[in-house]
Amino acid sequence: MKRFRGKVGMALACVLLVLSSTAFAQAAKIAGLAVKKDGSPYMLGVVANEMRSGWMTAWIGYSKNLWERMGGRFNFFVSEYNMDVELAQMTDLMQLKPDCIFVHPSDSHAIVPAVDKARAAGYPVIAVDVGVTGTPVDGFVHINQQDMGKGDAQYVEKAFSASNPAVVLELCGGLEQDIAIERRDGFDNEVKNVPYIKIVQEIDTKWSADTAMQSVQDALERDPTINCIYGHSDFFVQGILQGLKLKNKLIPAGQKGHIVVLSIDGDPTGLKGIRDGFIDADAENNPVLFAAVAVNMAIAKVHGLDIPSEIVLSPAVITKATVSAPERWGLLPSGQFEKWPVLDQSFFKIPASLLKK
């Protein structure tokens, strides 16, 4: 099994997200790929930790749309961060006899017994975005999470200086997930030897906007010198901004008293925050690309073809200068997945032997 690493360049990304005639021609080629020789559909099952964030809504919605364009059947379960529910959902999904399973677990360790059971029963499992720690999966599609934290940290290095030091509040996601740990480590490792950047507090928000809002207020009470906030996701960025507003600290960039805010995802909320001047940098975590790669891997797998054991994507950091660039996934029409293109991406293409000529 091979491992693939790659980076989406600006020119390629533009090609990926523009609703072009080429993209829709690709859609015609994939029709029927998820239909068995007897005419029945291949089933793709998904067990995910939530569907409240813009990222997860886009990933699940677009994955469903792609699979159904291929003629397949799509079933998904959402646990809302209840690991007992999630383990039960894996069992329920196996009762439906899926041909392939995607997991986006609440806990990278706790999901292991369910993954082992599924694979032992012959169901291939592909982890998307959040990894499974402690047992193999058939494929793992993820972005370099540490690079997203590092990208935001590098923005801080440029925005501050010895004469204007950064006092940072870090609002982590749920640290039981590998992605939150890596987003933290990527940022922390980049700034730890920079003398004018000091992380004064790190708080585990459990990916909660309410917790983020309260944490911002409490942190500013404890240390009113905080002038930079690094949050792990646009999922709770509204909580950050609301917390700043309640402390009379929501001041746009360029004005005295502005607190630099950094986030991750690049969803519509994050892009709006940049345009409004309240978010300074947002490391893009593109669920459209995740879906395109993972669905292609799934269709190859159900047809008995080899897939890579791991594919690692690389992020871009969005700022005011690039927030309206055409490659931004957050600019696609929200929820209108039928209008989203079939991405002819380079990380894992559908094998040519399966495509219609």
Foldseek 3Di string as FASTA:
>chain_A
DAEAEDEQDQVQLLQFFDLDPVLVVQLVFLAQLQADPVGAGAEEEEEEADCPDLLNVVLQLLLCVSSVSNVHHYYYDYNVLDLVVSLVVLVVVVVVPHQEYEYHDSALASCVVSQVVCVVVPHAYEYEAFHRPDDAGQAYEHAQLLLQLLVLLVVQVVVADPVRAAEEEEEFAAVSIPSRVSSVCSNCVNCVPPVRYDDPYYHYQNLDLQSLLVVLLVVCVVPVVHQEYEYEAPSNVVSPLNSCVVVVQQDFPPDPNQREYEYEALALSQLVCQVVRNYFKYKHGDSSVSSLQVSLQSSCVSVPHHDHRYYYYYIDMDGNVCSPPSSRPNPPDRPPSVSTGNGCDDRHHNPPVSTDD
